[in-house]
Amino acid sequence: MQKAQLEERLHRIWLADKATRFERNRRPYPPVRPKYRNPKHPSETWSGRGRLPRWLQPQLRGGRQLDDFLIERASVQKRQTKLSGG
């Protein structure tokens, strides 16, 4: 008798959890600007969140630093070479 009641109660809890699990809305996140760019394919960018992109993994294994792919750093270097006349 008790086992049947407990199983029924467990089943109701499971159904309630299943129903609410899919109705939850995710919190809206603001769009994130890309922080890193693939120098070989400039259209490939990464925001620095989540998994490393496929194009970046072999570069890092080869000894390059993540800072080498910063978008801001590349634009700063371009400005400095223009200012210095190079």
N, C-alpha and C. Protein backbone atom coordinates (compact mmCIF):
# COMPACT_ATOMS: atom_id res chain seq x y z
N MET A 1 0.83 -1.19 0.00
CA MET A 1 0.00 0.00 0.00
C MET A 1 0.87 1.25 0.00
N GLN A 2 1.83 1.33 0.91
CA GLN A 2 2.68 2.50 0.99
C GLN A 2 3.55 2.63 -0.26
N LYS A 3 4.01 1.52 -0.77
CA LYS A 3 4.85 1.54 -1.96
C LYS A 3 4.09 2.13 -3.14
N ALA A 4 2.85 1.76 -3.31
CA ALA A 4 2.03 2.27 -4.41
C ALA A 4 1.82 3.78 -4.26
N GLN A 5 1.57 4.21 -3.03
CA GLN A 5 1.37 5.64 -2.78
C GLN A 5 2.65 6.42 -3.08
N LEU A 6 3.78 5.89 -2.63
CA LEU A 6 5.05 6.57 -2.88
C LEU A 6 5.38 6.62 -4.37
N GLU A 7 5.12 5.53 -5.06
CA GLU A 7 5.36 5.52 -6.51
C GLU A 7 4.47 6.52 -7.23
N GLU A 8 3.23 6.61 -6.83
CA GLU A 8 2.30 7.57 -7.42
C GLU A 8 2.76 9.01 -7.14
N ARG A 9 3.20 9.25 -5.94
CA ARG A 9 3.68 10.58 -5.57
C ARG A 9 4.95 10.95 -6.36
N LEU A 10 5.84 10.00 -6.49
CA LEU A 10 7.06 10.20 -7.26
C LEU A 10 6.73 10.48 -8.73
N HIS A 11 5.76 9.75 -9.26
CA HIS A 11 5.34 9.96 -10.64
C HIS A 11 4.77 11.37 -10.83
N ARG A 12 3.96 11.85 -9.88
CA ARG A 12 3.40 13.21 -9.98
C ARG A 12 4.50 14.26 -9.92
N ILE A 13 5.48 14.05 -9.06
CA ILE A 13 6.61 14.99 -8.95
C ILE A 13 7.38 15.02 -10.26
N TRP A 14 7.61 13.86 -10.82
CA TRP A 14 8.35 13.77 -12.09
C TRP A 14 7.58 14.48 -13.21
N LEU A 15 6.26 14.30 -13.27
CA LEU A 15 5.46 14.96 -14.29
C LEU A 15 5.46 16.48 -14.10
N ALA A 16 5.38 16.93 -12.87
CA ALA A 16 5.39 18.36 -12.60
C ALA A 16 6.73 18.97 -13.00
N ASP A 17 7.81 18.29 -12.68
CA ASP A 17 9.13 18.78 -13.04
C ASP A 17 9.30 18.80 -14.56
N LYS A 18 8.81 17.77 -15.22
CA LYS A 18 8.92 17.69 -16.68
C LYS A 18 8.14 18.83 -17.34
N ALA A 19 6.96 19.15 -16.81
CA ALA A 19 6.13 20.20 -17.39
C ALA A 19 6.77 21.57 -17.21
N THR A 20 7.36 21.84 -16.06
CA THR A 20 7.93 23.17 -15.82
C THR A 20 9.31 23.32 -16.43
N ARG A 21 10.01 22.23 -16.64
CA ARG A 21 11.37 22.30 -17.18
C ARG A 21 11.39 22.92 -18.57
N PHE A 22 10.42 22.60 -19.39
CA PHE A 22 10.41 23.09 -20.76
C PHE A 22 9.71 24.44 -20.90
N GLU A 23 9.01 24.89 -19.88
CA GLU A 23 8.32 26.17 -19.96
C GLU A 23 9.19 27.33 -19.50
N ARG A 24 10.30 27.04 -18.85
CA ARG A 24 11.17 28.11 -18.36
C ARG A 24 11.80 28.86 -19.52
N ASN A 25 11.76 30.15 -19.43
CA ASN A 25 12.42 30.97 -20.44
C ASN A 25 13.81 31.33 -19.97
N ARG A 26 14.73 31.35 -20.90
CA ARG A 26 16.08 31.74 -20.56
C ARG A 26 16.15 33.25 -20.41
N ARG A 27 17.04 33.67 -19.58
CA ARG A 27 17.27 35.08 -19.37
C ARG A 27 17.85 35.67 -20.66
N PRO A 28 17.36 36.83 -21.10
CA PRO A 28 17.92 37.40 -22.33
C PRO A 28 19.32 37.95 -22.09
N TYR A 29 20.25 37.54 -22.92
CA TYR A 29 21.62 38.00 -22.81
C TYR A 29 21.88 39.06 -23.87
N PRO A 30 22.64 40.08 -23.54
CA PRO A 30 22.95 41.08 -24.56
C PRO A 30 23.88 40.49 -25.61
N PRO A 31 23.82 40.98 -26.83
CA PRO A 31 24.73 40.46 -27.84
C PRO A 31 26.18 40.77 -27.47
N VAL A 32 27.06 39.84 -27.77
CA VAL A 32 28.47 39.97 -27.42
C VAL A 32 29.27 40.21 -28.69
N ARG A 33 30.07 41.25 -28.69
CA ARG A 33 30.88 41.56 -29.86
C ARG A 33 32.05 40.60 -29.95
N PRO A 34 32.47 40.28 -31.16
CA PRO A 34 33.62 39.38 -31.30
C PRO A 34 34.89 40.02 -30.76
N LYS A 35 35.71 39.21 -30.14
CA LYS A 35 36.93 39.69 -29.53
C LYS A 35 38.17 39.19 -30.28
N TYR A 36 38.04 38.03 -30.93
CA TYR A 36 39.16 37.41 -31.63
C TYR A 36 38.79 37.16 -33.09
N ARG A 37 39.79 37.25 -33.97
CA ARG A 37 39.55 37.05 -35.40
C ARG A 37 40.60 36.11 -35.97
N ASN A 38 40.16 35.26 -36.89
CA ASN A 38 41.06 34.36 -37.60
C ASN A 38 41.77 35.17 -38.67
N PRO A 39 43.10 35.29 -38.62
CA PRO A 39 43.81 36.10 -39.61
C PRO A 39 43.72 35.54 -41.03
N LYS A 40 43.58 34.22 -41.17
CA LYS A 40 43.48 33.62 -42.50
C LYS A 40 42.10 33.81 -43.11
N HIS A 41 41.08 33.81 -42.28
CA HIS A 41 39.70 33.98 -42.71
C HIS A 41 39.05 35.02 -41.79
N PRO A 42 39.14 36.30 -42.11
CA PRO A 42 38.66 37.36 -41.21
C PRO A 42 37.18 37.28 -40.86
N SER A 43 36.40 36.55 -41.63
CA SER A 43 34.98 36.44 -41.30
C SER A 43 34.75 35.51 -40.11
N GLU A 44 35.75 34.69 -39.76
CA GLU A 44 35.64 33.81 -38.61
C GLU A 44 36.10 34.54 -37.36
N THR A 45 35.15 34.75 -36.46
CA THR A 45 35.45 35.47 -35.22
C THR A 45 34.96 34.65 -34.03
N TRP A 46 35.39 35.06 -32.85
CA TRP A 46 35.00 34.40 -31.61
C TRP A 46 34.89 35.45 -30.53
N SER A 47 33.86 35.36 -29.71
CA SER A 47 33.64 36.34 -28.65
C SER A 47 34.45 36.06 -27.40
N GLY A 48 35.04 34.88 -27.31
CA GLY A 48 35.79 34.53 -26.11
C GLY A 48 34.94 33.75 -25.13
N ARG A 49 33.71 33.48 -25.49
CA ARG A 49 32.81 32.70 -24.64
C ARG A 49 32.56 31.34 -25.26
N GLY A 50 32.35 30.35 -24.43
CA GLY A 50 32.05 29.01 -24.93
C GLY A 50 33.31 28.28 -25.36
N ARG A 51 33.10 27.26 -26.17
CA ARG A 51 34.21 26.43 -26.62
C ARG A 51 35.12 27.19 -27.57
N LEU A 52 36.37 26.78 -27.57
CA LEU A 52 37.32 27.36 -28.54
C LEU A 52 36.89 26.96 -29.94
N PRO A 53 36.94 27.88 -30.89
CA PRO A 53 36.60 27.51 -32.26
C PRO A 53 37.66 26.60 -32.87
N ARG A 54 37.26 25.88 -33.90
CA ARG A 54 38.17 24.92 -34.53
C ARG A 54 39.39 25.59 -35.12
N TRP A 55 39.25 26.79 -35.64
CA TRP A 55 40.38 27.46 -36.26
C TRP A 55 41.41 27.92 -35.24
N LEU A 56 41.00 28.08 -33.99
CA LEU A 56 41.89 28.61 -32.96
C LEU A 56 42.68 27.51 -32.23
N GLN A 57 42.11 26.36 -32.10
CA GLN A 57 42.76 25.28 -31.34
C GLN A 57 44.15 24.92 -31.86
N PRO A 58 44.33 24.67 -33.16
CA PRO A 58 45.69 24.32 -33.62
C PRO A 58 46.67 25.47 -33.50
N GLN A 59 46.18 26.69 -33.60
CA GLN A 59 47.05 27.86 -33.46
C GLN A 59 47.63 27.93 -32.04
N LEU A 60 46.78 27.70 -31.05
CA LEU A 60 47.24 27.75 -29.66
C LEU A 60 48.16 26.58 -29.34
N ARG A 61 47.86 25.40 -29.90
CA ARG A 61 48.74 24.26 -29.69
C ARG A 61 50.10 24.49 -30.33
N GLY A 62 50.14 25.28 -31.40
CA GLY A 62 51.38 25.58 -32.09
C GLY A 62 52.24 26.61 -31.40
N GLY A 63 51.78 27.16 -30.30
CA GLY A 63 52.59 28.09 -29.54
C GLY A 63 52.16 29.53 -29.59
N ARG A 64 51.16 29.86 -30.40
CA ARG A 64 50.70 31.24 -30.45
C ARG A 64 49.87 31.56 -29.21
N GLN A 65 49.77 32.83 -28.89
CA GLN A 65 49.02 33.28 -27.72
C GLN A 65 47.65 33.76 -28.16
N LEU A 66 46.69 33.71 -27.25
CA LEU A 66 45.34 34.18 -27.53
C LEU A 66 45.34 35.66 -27.88
N ASP A 67 46.25 36.42 -27.25
CA ASP A 67 46.33 37.86 -27.52
C ASP A 67 46.73 38.16 -28.97
N ASP A 68 47.35 37.19 -29.65
CA ASP A 68 47.73 37.39 -31.04
C ASP A 68 46.52 37.55 -31.96
N PHE A 69 45.36 37.12 -31.50
CA PHE A 69 44.17 37.12 -32.33
C PHE A 69 43.16 38.20 -31.93
N LEU A 70 43.53 39.05 -30.99
CA LEU A 70 42.63 40.11 -30.55
C LEU A 70 42.30 41.05 -31.70
N ILE A 71 41.03 41.39 -31.83
CA ILE A 71 40.61 42.30 -32.90
C ILE A 71 41.10 43.71 -32.59
N GLU A 72 40.96 44.17 -31.36
CA GLU A 72 41.38 45.52 -30.99
C GLU A 72 42.88 45.69 -31.19
N ARG A 73 43.64 44.68 -30.86
CA ARG A 73 45.09 44.77 -30.98
C ARG A 73 45.50 44.97 -32.43
N ALA A 74 44.85 44.28 -33.33
CA ALA A 74 45.17 44.40 -34.75
C ALA A 74 44.85 45.81 -35.24
N SER A 75 43.72 46.37 -34.81
CA SER A 75 43.36 47.71 -35.27
C SER A 75 44.28 48.76 -34.65
N VAL A 76 44.74 48.54 -33.42
CA VAL A 76 45.69 49.46 -32.79
C VAL A 76 47.03 49.42 -33.53
N GLN A 77 47.49 48.24 -33.90
CA GLN A 77 48.75 48.11 -34.63
C GLN A 77 48.67 48.80 -35.98
N LYS A 78 47.56 48.68 -36.67
CA LYS A 78 47.39 49.33 -37.96
C LYS A 78 47.47 50.85 -37.80
N ARG A 79 46.80 51.36 -36.75
CA ARG A 79 46.83 52.80 -36.53
C ARG A 79 48.24 53.27 -36.21
N GLN A 80 48.98 52.49 -35.44
CA GLN A 80 50.34 52.89 -35.07
C GLN A 80 51.25 52.90 -36.29
N THR A 81 51.10 51.94 -37.20
CA THR A 81 51.95 51.93 -38.39
C THR A 81 51.59 53.07 -39.33
N LYS A 82 50.32 53.45 -39.37
CA LYS A 82 49.91 54.58 -40.21
C LYS A 82 50.49 55.89 -39.64
N LEU A 83 50.47 56.02 -38.32
CA LEU A 83 50.98 57.23 -37.67
C LEU A 83 52.50 57.36 -37.81
N SER A 84 53.17 56.21 -37.77
CA SER A 84 54.63 56.25 -37.83
C SER A 84 55.14 56.29 -39.28
N GLY A 85 54.20 56.21 -40.22
CA GLY A 85 54.59 56.29 -41.62
C GLY A 85 55.06 54.99 -42.21
N GLY A 86 54.73 53.84 -41.56
CA GLY A 86 55.19 52.54 -42.03
C GLY A 86 54.22 51.85 -42.79
